[in-house]
Amino acid sequence: MSSVIKQLVNKKLKQLSPDELLQYAHQYNFSINRKQAIEIATYLRQNTIDPFDPGHRKKMFEELARITDKATANQAQKLFVEIIKSYGLEGLFK
């Protein structure tokens, strides 16, 4: 089951559109603009990211901080942890 969840998460990350990112940003009270959403979506599509690996996650949030700012990246990281806990998926993340 965990491999299926991992595949779904990775597929979703690769397929996120700038419009979806803007929609999620609004839903979760993040401040990003269209240019940033495009850059984030491009980064996710063009790079191999394993959000289940701590090193990959760290690099992903560092890149998010470069694209947006450190406060936004920290907010995203906190939300990421909250979502993982809310779904009881802590065991999948190293």
PDB file of N, CA and C in Angstrom:
ATOM      1  N   MET A   1       0.823  -1.208   0.000  1.00  0.00           N
ATOM      2  CA  MET A   1       0.000   0.000   0.000  1.00  0.00           C
ATOM      3  C   MET A   1       0.859   1.260   0.000  1.00  0.00           C
ATOM      4  N   SER A   2       1.955   1.242   0.775  1.00  0.00           N
ATOM      5  CA  SER A   2       2.773   2.452   0.859  1.00  0.00           C
ATOM      6  C   SER A   2       3.399   2.815  -0.480  1.00  0.00           C
ATOM      7  N   SER A   3       3.747   1.816  -1.294  1.00  0.00           N
ATOM      8  CA  SER A   3       4.337   2.137  -2.599  1.00  0.00           C
ATOM      9  C   SER A   3       3.304   2.812  -3.507  1.00  0.00           C
ATOM     10  N   VAL A   4       2.043   2.437  -3.377  1.00  0.00           N
ATOM     11  CA  VAL A   4       0.979   3.063  -4.163  1.00  0.00           C
ATOM     12  C   VAL A   4       0.814   4.525  -3.743  1.00  0.00           C
ATOM     13  N   ILE A   5       0.816   4.766  -2.453  1.00  0.00           N
ATOM     14  CA  ILE A   5       0.696   6.139  -1.944  1.00  0.00           C
ATOM     15  C   ILE A   5       1.871   6.977  -2.412  1.00  0.00           C
ATOM     16  N   LYS A   6       3.062   6.414  -2.342  1.00  0.00           N
ATOM     17  CA  LYS A   6       4.258   7.140  -2.785  1.00  0.00           C
ATOM     18  C   LYS A   6       4.165   7.490  -4.270  1.00  0.00           C
ATOM     19  N   GLN A   7       3.705   6.545  -5.078  1.00  0.00           N
ATOM     20  CA  GLN A   7       3.556   6.806  -6.512  1.00  0.00           C
ATOM     21  C   GLN A   7       2.537   7.904  -6.772  1.00  0.00           C
ATOM     22  N   LEU A   8       1.427   7.876  -6.050  1.00  0.00           N
ATOM     23  CA  LEU A   8       0.394   8.900  -6.217  1.00  0.00           C
ATOM     24  C   LEU A   8       0.915  10.288  -5.839  1.00  0.00           C
ATOM     25  N   VAL A   9       1.638  10.371  -4.731  1.00  0.00           N
ATOM     26  CA  VAL A   9       2.185  11.661  -4.287  1.00  0.00           C
ATOM     27  C   VAL A   9       3.178  12.183  -5.317  1.00  0.00           C
ATOM     28  N   ASN A  10       4.088  11.329  -5.762  1.00  0.00           N
ATOM     29  CA  ASN A  10       5.089  11.761  -6.748  1.00  0.00           C
ATOM     30  C   ASN A  10       4.440  12.187  -8.056  1.00  0.00           C
ATOM     31  N   LYS A  11       3.428  11.441  -8.485  1.00  0.00           N
ATOM     32  CA  LYS A  11       2.722  11.792  -9.727  1.00  0.00           C
ATOM     33  C   LYS A  11       2.034  13.151  -9.589  1.00  0.00           C
ATOM     34  N   LYS A  12       1.397  13.381  -8.443  1.00  0.00           N
ATOM     35  CA  LYS A  12       0.700  14.651  -8.221  1.00  0.00           C
ATOM     36  C   LYS A  12       1.685  15.817  -8.231  1.00  0.00           C
ATOM     37  N   LEU A  13       2.832  15.649  -7.594  1.00  0.00           N
ATOM     38  CA  LEU A  13       3.838  16.714  -7.586  1.00  0.00           C
ATOM     39  C   LEU A  13       4.275  17.067  -9.009  1.00  0.00           C
ATOM     40  N   LYS A  14       4.492  16.044  -9.830  1.00  0.00           N
ATOM     41  CA  LYS A  14       4.933  16.264 -11.213  1.00  0.00           C
ATOM     42  C   LYS A  14       3.863  16.943 -12.064  1.00  0.00           C
ATOM     43  N   GLN A  15       2.591  16.759 -11.699  1.00  0.00           N
ATOM     44  CA  GLN A  15       1.499  17.259 -12.523  1.00  0.00           C
ATOM     45  C   GLN A  15       0.881  18.562 -12.015  1.00  0.00           C
ATOM     46  N   LEU A  16       1.383  19.088 -10.916  1.00  0.00           N
ATOM     47  CA  LEU A  16       0.807  20.335 -10.394  1.00  0.00           C
ATOM     48  C   LEU A  16       0.959  21.462 -11.406  1.00  0.00           C
ATOM     49  N   SER A  17      -0.134  22.144 -11.660  1.00  0.00           N
ATOM     50  CA  SER A  17      -0.098  23.280 -12.581  1.00  0.00           C
ATOM     51  C   SER A  17       0.060  24.569 -11.783  1.00  0.00           C
ATOM     52  N   PRO A  18       0.507  25.625 -12.431  1.00  0.00           N
ATOM     53  CA  PRO A  18       0.584  26.918 -11.743  1.00  0.00           C
ATOM     54  C   PRO A  18      -0.768  27.347 -11.172  1.00  0.00           C
ATOM     55  N   ASP A  19      -1.849  27.100 -11.918  1.00  0.00           N
ATOM     56  CA  ASP A  19      -3.182  27.467 -11.415  1.00  0.00           C
ATOM     57  C   ASP A  19      -3.542  26.687 -10.147  1.00  0.00           C
ATOM     58  N   GLU A  20      -3.204  25.405 -10.126  1.00  0.00           N
ATOM     59  CA  GLU A  20      -3.462  24.613  -8.911  1.00  0.00           C
ATOM     60  C   GLU A  20      -2.650  25.147  -7.733  1.00  0.00           C
ATOM     61  N   LEU A  21      -1.388  25.488  -8.002  1.00  0.00           N
ATOM     62  CA  LEU A  21      -0.544  26.035  -6.933  1.00  0.00           C
ATOM     63  C   LEU A  21      -1.122  27.337  -6.387  1.00  0.00           C
ATOM     64  N   LEU A  22      -1.609  28.182  -7.272  1.00  0.00           N
ATOM     65  CA  LEU A  22      -2.229  29.433  -6.826  1.00  0.00           C
ATOM     66  C   LEU A  22      -3.494  29.153  -6.021  1.00  0.00           C
ATOM     67  N   GLN A  23      -4.245  28.166  -6.445  1.00  0.00           N
ATOM     68  CA  GLN A  23      -5.468  27.790  -5.735  1.00  0.00           C
ATOM     69  C   GLN A  23      -5.128  27.258  -4.334  1.00  0.00           C
ATOM     70  N   TYR A  24      -4.121  26.383  -4.238  1.00  0.00           N
ATOM     71  CA  TYR A  24      -3.697  25.869  -2.935  1.00  0.00           C
ATOM     72  C   TYR A  24      -3.131  26.990  -2.068  1.00  0.00           C
ATOM     73  N   ALA A  25      -2.402  27.888  -2.677  1.00  0.00           N
ATOM     74  CA  ALA A  25      -1.834  29.014  -1.922  1.00  0.00           C
ATOM     75  C   ALA A  25      -2.952  29.831  -1.285  1.00  0.00           C
ATOM     76  N   HIS A  26      -3.985  30.092  -2.059  1.00  0.00           N
ATOM     77  CA  HIS A  26      -5.130  30.837  -1.534  1.00  0.00           C
ATOM     78  C   HIS A  26      -5.827  30.042  -0.420  1.00  0.00           C
ATOM     79  N   GLN A  27      -6.029  28.758  -0.658  1.00  0.00           N
ATOM     80  CA  GLN A  27      -6.722  27.894   0.304  1.00  0.00           C
ATOM     81  C   GLN A  27      -5.977  27.822   1.641  1.00  0.00           C
ATOM     82  N   TYR A  28      -4.644  27.790   1.582  1.00  0.00           N
ATOM     83  CA  TYR A  28      -3.838  27.639   2.802  1.00  0.00           C
ATOM     84  C   TYR A  28      -3.152  28.935   3.235  1.00  0.00           C
ATOM     85  N   ASN A  29      -3.614  30.054   2.702  1.00  0.00           N
ATOM     86  CA  ASN A  29      -3.122  31.385   3.097  1.00  0.00           C
ATOM     87  C   ASN A  29      -1.630  31.597   2.857  1.00  0.00           C
ATOM     88  N   PHE A  30      -1.182  31.207   1.670  1.00  0.00           N
ATOM     89  CA  PHE A  30       0.184  31.474   1.246  1.00  0.00           C
ATOM     90  C   PHE A  30       0.166  32.653   0.294  1.00  0.00           C
ATOM     91  N   SER A  31       1.250  33.353   0.243  1.00  0.00           N
ATOM     92  CA  SER A  31       1.341  34.476  -0.670  1.00  0.00           C
ATOM     93  C   SER A  31       2.366  34.166  -1.757  1.00  0.00           C
ATOM     94  N   ILE A  32       1.864  33.730  -2.931  1.00  0.00           N
ATOM     95  CA  ILE A  32       2.732  33.559  -4.091  1.00  0.00           C
ATOM     96  C   ILE A  32       2.041  34.201  -5.290  1.00  0.00           C
ATOM     97  N   ASN A  33       2.862  34.625  -6.242  1.00  0.00           N
ATOM     98  CA  ASN A  33       2.294  35.220  -7.445  1.00  0.00           C
ATOM     99  C   ASN A  33       2.371  34.219  -8.606  1.00  0.00           C
ATOM    100  N   ARG A  34       1.803  34.593  -9.741  1.00  0.00           N
ATOM    101  CA  ARG A  34       1.756  33.696 -10.898  1.00  0.00           C
ATOM    102  C   ARG A  34       3.160  33.297 -11.360  1.00  0.00           C
ATOM    103  N   LYS A  35       4.080  34.246 -11.404  1.00  0.00           N
ATOM    104  CA  LYS A  35       5.451  33.946 -11.842  1.00  0.00           C
ATOM    105  C   LYS A  35       6.079  32.891 -10.939  1.00  0.00           C
ATOM    106  N   GLN A  36       5.880  33.037  -9.633  1.00  0.00           N
ATOM    107  CA  GLN A  36       6.416  32.068  -8.685  1.00  0.00           C
ATOM    108  C   GLN A  36       5.745  30.706  -8.861  1.00  0.00           C
ATOM    109  N   ALA A  37       4.441  30.696  -9.074  1.00  0.00           N
ATOM    110  CA  ALA A  37       3.713  29.441  -9.277  1.00  0.00           C
ATOM    111  C   ALA A  37       4.230  28.709 -10.522  1.00  0.00           C
ATOM    112  N   ILE A  38       4.500  29.463 -11.579  1.00  0.00           N
ATOM    113  CA  ILE A  38       5.044  28.871 -12.802  1.00  0.00           C
ATOM    114  C   ILE A  38       6.425  28.283 -12.529  1.00  0.00           C
ATOM    115  N   GLU A  39       7.251  29.030 -11.805  1.00  0.00           N
ATOM    116  CA  GLU A  39       8.612  28.569 -11.502  1.00  0.00           C
ATOM    117  C   GLU A  39       8.589  27.333 -10.599  1.00  0.00           C
ATOM    118  N   ILE A  40       7.690  27.300  -9.635  1.00  0.00           N
ATOM    119  CA  ILE A  40       7.574  26.139  -8.746  1.00  0.00           C
ATOM    120  C   ILE A  40       7.112  24.915  -9.537  1.00  0.00           C
ATOM    121  N   ALA A  41       6.087  25.079 -10.354  1.00  0.00           N
ATOM    122  CA  ALA A  41       5.572  23.960 -11.160  1.00  0.00           C
ATOM    123  C   ALA A  41       6.649  23.441 -12.110  1.00  0.00           C
ATOM    124  N   THR A  42       7.401  24.331 -12.705  1.00  0.00           N
ATOM    125  CA  THR A  42       8.487  23.934 -13.603  1.00  0.00           C
ATOM    126  C   THR A  42       9.546  23.151 -12.842  1.00  0.00           C
ATOM    127  N   TYR A  43       9.916  23.645 -11.668  1.00  0.00           N
ATOM    128  CA  TYR A  43      10.910  22.959 -10.836  1.00  0.00           C
ATOM    129  C   TYR A  43      10.427  21.545 -10.502  1.00  0.00           C
ATOM    130  N   LEU A  44       9.178  21.411 -10.103  1.00  0.00           N
ATOM    131  CA  LEU A  44       8.644  20.098  -9.726  1.00  0.00           C
ATOM    132  C   LEU A  44       8.625  19.133 -10.909  1.00  0.00           C
ATOM    133  N   ARG A  45       8.316  19.635 -12.091  1.00  0.00           N
ATOM    134  CA  ARG A  45       8.277  18.789 -13.287  1.00  0.00           C
ATOM    135  C   ARG A  45       9.669  18.382 -13.751  1.00  0.00           C
ATOM    136  N   GLN A  46      10.621  19.286 -13.652  1.00  0.00           N
ATOM    137  CA  GLN A  46      11.937  19.050 -14.245  1.00  0.00           C
ATOM    138  C   GLN A  46      12.936  18.356 -13.318  1.00  0.00           C
ATOM    139  N   ASN A  47      12.618  18.242 -12.036  1.00  0.00           N
ATOM    140  CA  ASN A  47      13.558  17.646 -11.097  1.00  0.00           C
ATOM    141  C   ASN A  47      12.977  16.390 -10.469  1.00  0.00           C
ATOM    142  N   THR A  48      13.870  15.461 -10.189  1.00  0.00           N
ATOM    143  CA  THR A  48      13.469  14.249  -9.498  1.00  0.00           C
ATOM    144  C   THR A  48      13.435  14.552  -8.013  1.00  0.00           C
ATOM    145  N   ILE A  49      12.245  14.494  -7.451  1.00  0.00           N
ATOM    146  CA  ILE A  49      12.056  14.827  -6.052  1.00  0.00           C
ATOM    147  C   ILE A  49      11.375  13.650  -5.371  1.00  0.00           C
ATOM    148  N   ASP A  50      11.962  13.208  -4.271  1.00  0.00           N
ATOM    149  CA  ASP A  50      11.341  12.178  -3.460  1.00  0.00           C
ATOM    150  C   ASP A  50      10.969  12.817  -2.129  1.00  0.00           C
ATOM    151  N   PRO A  51       9.715  13.248  -1.981  1.00  0.00           N
ATOM    152  CA  PRO A  51       9.326  13.932  -0.754  1.00  0.00           C
ATOM    153  C   PRO A  51       9.367  13.022   0.474  1.00  0.00           C
ATOM    154  N   PHE A  52       9.551  11.731   0.247  1.00  0.00           N
ATOM    155  CA  PHE A  52       9.620  10.780   1.352  1.00  0.00           C
ATOM    156  C   PHE A  52      11.035  10.678   1.907  1.00  0.00           C
ATOM    157  N   ASP A  53      11.991  11.237   1.200  1.00  0.00           N
ATOM    158  CA  ASP A  53      13.392  11.229   1.628  1.00  0.00           C
ATOM    159  C   ASP A  53      13.741  12.588   2.238  1.00  0.00           C
ATOM    160  N   PRO A  54      14.283  12.608   3.458  1.00  0.00           N
ATOM    161  CA  PRO A  54      14.556  13.896   4.124  1.00  0.00           C
ATOM    162  C   PRO A  54      15.501  14.811   3.333  1.00  0.00           C
ATOM    163  N   GLY A  55      16.495  14.252   2.676  1.00  0.00           N
ATOM    164  CA  GLY A  55      17.426  15.062   1.892  1.00  0.00           C
ATOM    165  C   GLY A  55      16.752  15.722   0.701  1.00  0.00           C
ATOM    166  N   HIS A  56      15.917  14.973   0.024  1.00  0.00           N
ATOM    167  CA  HIS A  56      15.172  15.517  -1.116  1.00  0.00           C
ATOM    168  C   HIS A  56      14.186  16.586  -0.658  1.00  0.00           C
ATOM    169  N   ARG A  57      13.521  16.311   0.469  1.00  0.00           N
ATOM    170  CA  ARG A  57      12.564  17.285   1.010  1.00  0.00           C
ATOM    171  C   ARG A  57      13.270  18.582   1.359  1.00  0.00           C
ATOM    172  N   LYS A  58      14.425  18.458   1.997  1.00  0.00           N
ATOM    173  CA  LYS A  58      15.191  19.645   2.381  1.00  0.00           C
ATOM    174  C   LYS A  58      15.543  20.466   1.137  1.00  0.00           C
ATOM    175  N   LYS A  59      16.022  19.782   0.114  1.00  0.00           N
ATOM    176  CA  LYS A  59      16.384  20.474  -1.128  1.00  0.00           C
ATOM    177  C   LYS A  59      15.157  21.136  -1.760  1.00  0.00           C
ATOM    178  N   MET A  60      14.010  20.442  -1.715  1.00  0.00           N
ATOM    179  CA  MET A  60      12.772  20.985  -2.290  1.00  0.00           C
ATOM    180  C   MET A  60      12.368  22.272  -1.569  1.00  0.00           C
ATOM    181  N   PHE A  61      12.443  22.275  -0.236  1.00  0.00           N
ATOM    182  CA  PHE A  61      12.062  23.477   0.512  1.00  0.00           C
ATOM    183  C   PHE A  61      13.100  24.593   0.364  1.00  0.00           C
ATOM    184  N   GLU A  62      14.363  24.230   0.187  1.00  0.00           N
ATOM    185  CA  GLU A  62      15.379  25.246  -0.090  1.00  0.00           C
ATOM    186  C   GLU A  62      15.107  25.924  -1.430  1.00  0.00           C
ATOM    187  N   GLU A  63      14.719  25.137  -2.411  1.00  0.00           N
ATOM    188  CA  GLU A  63      14.394  25.695  -3.728  1.00  0.00           C
ATOM    189  C   GLU A  63      13.138  26.558  -3.641  1.00  0.00           C
ATOM    190  N   LEU A  64      12.167  26.124  -2.854  1.00  0.00           N
ATOM    191  CA  LEU A  64      10.967  26.931  -2.651  1.00  0.00           C
ATOM    192  C   LEU A  64      11.331  28.276  -2.015  1.00  0.00           C
ATOM    193  N   ALA A  65      12.257  28.266  -1.064  1.00  0.00           N
ATOM    194  CA  ALA A  65      12.703  29.512  -0.430  1.00  0.00           C
ATOM    195  C   ALA A  65      13.393  30.418  -1.450  1.00  0.00           C
ATOM    196  N   ARG A  66      14.152  29.812  -2.372  1.00  0.00           N
ATOM    197  CA  ARG A  66      14.825  30.611  -3.405  1.00  0.00           C
ATOM    198  C   ARG A  66      13.799  31.254  -4.334  1.00  0.00           C
ATOM    199  N   ILE A  67      12.763  30.494  -4.688  1.00  0.00           N
ATOM    200  CA  ILE A  67      11.745  30.987  -5.615  1.00  0.00           C
ATOM    201  C   ILE A  67      10.852  32.031  -4.947  1.00  0.00           C
ATOM    202  N   THR A  68      10.491  31.778  -3.705  1.00  0.00           N
ATOM    203  CA  THR A  68       9.576  32.687  -3.005  1.00  0.00           C
ATOM    204  C   THR A  68      10.363  33.468  -1.954  1.00  0.00           C
ATOM    205  N   ASP A  69      10.322  32.998  -0.732  1.00  0.00           N
ATOM    206  CA  ASP A  69      11.129  33.549   0.361  1.00  0.00           C
ATOM    207  C   ASP A  69      11.159  32.521   1.479  1.00  0.00           C
ATOM    208  N   LYS A  70      12.025  32.741   2.435  1.00  0.00           N
ATOM    209  CA  LYS A  70      12.229  31.766   3.518  1.00  0.00           C
ATOM    210  C   LYS A  70      10.947  31.576   4.349  1.00  0.00           C
ATOM    211  N   ALA A  71      10.221  32.650   4.610  1.00  0.00           N
ATOM    212  CA  ALA A  71       9.000  32.546   5.418  1.00  0.00           C
ATOM    213  C   ALA A  71       7.961  31.663   4.725  1.00  0.00           C
ATOM    214  N   THR A  72       7.804  31.821   3.420  1.00  0.00           N
ATOM    215  CA  THR A  72       6.852  31.003   2.669  1.00  0.00           C
ATOM    216  C   THR A  72       7.277  29.541   2.685  1.00  0.00           C
ATOM    217  N   ALA A  73       8.566  29.291   2.505  1.00  0.00           N
ATOM    218  CA  ALA A  73       9.069  27.914   2.533  1.00  0.00           C
ATOM    219  C   ALA A  73       8.854  27.290   3.911  1.00  0.00           C
ATOM    220  N   ASN A  74       9.097  28.032   4.964  1.00  0.00           N
ATOM    221  CA  ASN A  74       8.874  27.520   6.316  1.00  0.00           C
ATOM    222  C   ASN A  74       7.402  27.225   6.552  1.00  0.00           C
ATOM    223  N   GLN A  75       6.533  28.109   6.072  1.00  0.00           N
ATOM    224  CA  GLN A  75       5.087  27.910   6.203  1.00  0.00           C
ATOM    225  C   GLN A  75       4.668  26.642   5.450  1.00  0.00           C
ATOM    226  N   ALA A  76       5.216  26.446   4.260  1.00  0.00           N
ATOM    227  CA  ALA A  76       4.903  25.267   3.454  1.00  0.00           C
ATOM    228  C   ALA A  76       5.393  23.997   4.144  1.00  0.00           C
ATOM    229  N   GLN A  77       6.557  24.074   4.744  1.00  0.00           N
ATOM    230  CA  GLN A  77       7.106  22.916   5.433  1.00  0.00           C
ATOM    231  C   GLN A  77       6.233  22.538   6.640  1.00  0.00           C
ATOM    232  N   LYS A  78       5.778  23.511   7.392  1.00  0.00           N
ATOM    233  CA  LYS A  78       4.892  23.248   8.535  1.00  0.00           C
ATOM    234  C   LYS A  78       3.578  22.635   8.058  1.00  0.00           C
ATOM    235  N   LEU A  79       3.023  23.173   6.979  1.00  0.00           N
ATOM    236  CA  LEU A  79       1.779  22.641   6.426  1.00  0.00           C
ATOM    237  C   LEU A  79       1.982  21.204   5.965  1.00  0.00           C
ATOM    238  N   PHE A  80       3.102  20.927   5.330  1.00  0.00           N
ATOM    239  CA  PHE A  80       3.441  19.587   4.857  1.00  0.00           C
ATOM    240  C   PHE A  80       3.399  18.597   6.021  1.00  0.00           C
ATOM    241  N   VAL A  81       4.033  18.948   7.122  1.00  0.00           N
ATOM    242  CA  VAL A  81       4.060  18.081   8.309  1.00  0.00           C
ATOM    243  C   VAL A  81       2.649  17.901   8.881  1.00  0.00           C
ATOM    244  N   GLU A  82       1.888  18.975   8.939  1.00  0.00           N
ATOM    245  CA  GLU A  82       0.509  18.889   9.444  1.00  0.00           C
ATOM    246  C   GLU A  82      -0.339  17.950   8.594  1.00  0.00           C
ATOM    247  N   ILE A  83      -0.202  18.058   7.277  1.00  0.00           N
ATOM    248  CA  ILE A  83      -0.981  17.209   6.375  1.00  0.00           C
ATOM    249  C   ILE A  83      -0.576  15.745   6.542  1.00  0.00           C
ATOM    250  N   ILE A  84       0.711  15.489   6.642  1.00  0.00           N
ATOM    251  CA  ILE A  84       1.193  14.116   6.849  1.00  0.00           C
ATOM    252  C   ILE A  84       0.579  13.533   8.119  1.00  0.00           C
ATOM    253  N   LYS A  85       0.618  14.307   9.194  1.00  0.00           N
ATOM    254  CA  LYS A  85       0.067  13.840  10.475  1.00  0.00           C
ATOM    255  C   LYS A  85      -1.444  13.661  10.393  1.00  0.00           C
ATOM    256  N   SER A  86      -2.131  14.575   9.720  1.00  0.00           N
ATOM    257  CA  SER A  86      -3.594  14.495   9.651  1.00  0.00           C
ATOM    258  C   SER A  86      -4.069  13.239   8.915  1.00  0.00           C
ATOM    259  N   TYR A  87      -3.238  12.737   7.992  1.00  0.00           N
ATOM    260  CA  TYR A  87      -3.582  11.514   7.265  1.00  0.00           C
ATOM    261  C   TYR A  87      -2.942  10.272   7.881  1.00  0.00           C
ATOM    262  N   GLY A  88      -2.202  10.453   8.975  1.00  0.00           N
ATOM    263  CA  GLY A  88      -1.559   9.323   9.641  1.00  0.00           C
ATOM    264  C   GLY A  88      -0.483   8.668   8.809  1.00  0.00           C
ATOM    265  N   LEU A  89       0.235   9.467   8.040  1.00  0.00           N
ATOM    266  CA  LEU A  89       1.251   8.925   7.126  1.00  0.00           C
ATOM    267  C   LEU A  89       2.687   9.122   7.616  1.00  0.00           C
ATOM    268  N   GLU A  90       2.862   9.434   8.888  1.00  0.00           N
ATOM    269  CA  GLU A  90       4.196   9.713   9.407  1.00  0.00           C
ATOM    270  C   GLU A  90       5.175   8.568   9.102  1.00  0.00           C
ATOM    271  N   GLY A  91       4.694   7.333   9.115  1.00  0.00           N
ATOM    272  CA  GLY A  91       5.556   6.179   8.891  1.00  0.00           C
ATOM    273  C   GLY A  91       6.167   6.115   7.501  1.00  0.00           C
ATOM    274  N   LEU A  92       5.560   6.793   6.547  1.00  0.00           N
ATOM    275  CA  LEU A  92       6.096   6.785   5.177  1.00  0.00           C
ATOM    276  C   LEU A  92       7.231   7.787   4.983  1.00  0.00           C
ATOM    277  N   PHE A  93       7.331   8.732   5.898  1.00  0.00           N
ATOM    278  CA  PHE A  93       8.328   9.786   5.764  1.00  0.00           C
ATOM    279  C   PHE A  93       9.447   9.555   6.764  1.00  0.00           C
ATOM    280  N   LYS A  94      10.672   9.411   6.233  1.00  0.00           N
ATOM    281  CA  LYS A  94      11.842   9.102   7.053  1.00  0.00           C
ATOM    282  C   LYS A  94      12.240  10.269   7.912  1.00  0.00           C
TER     283      LYS A  94
END
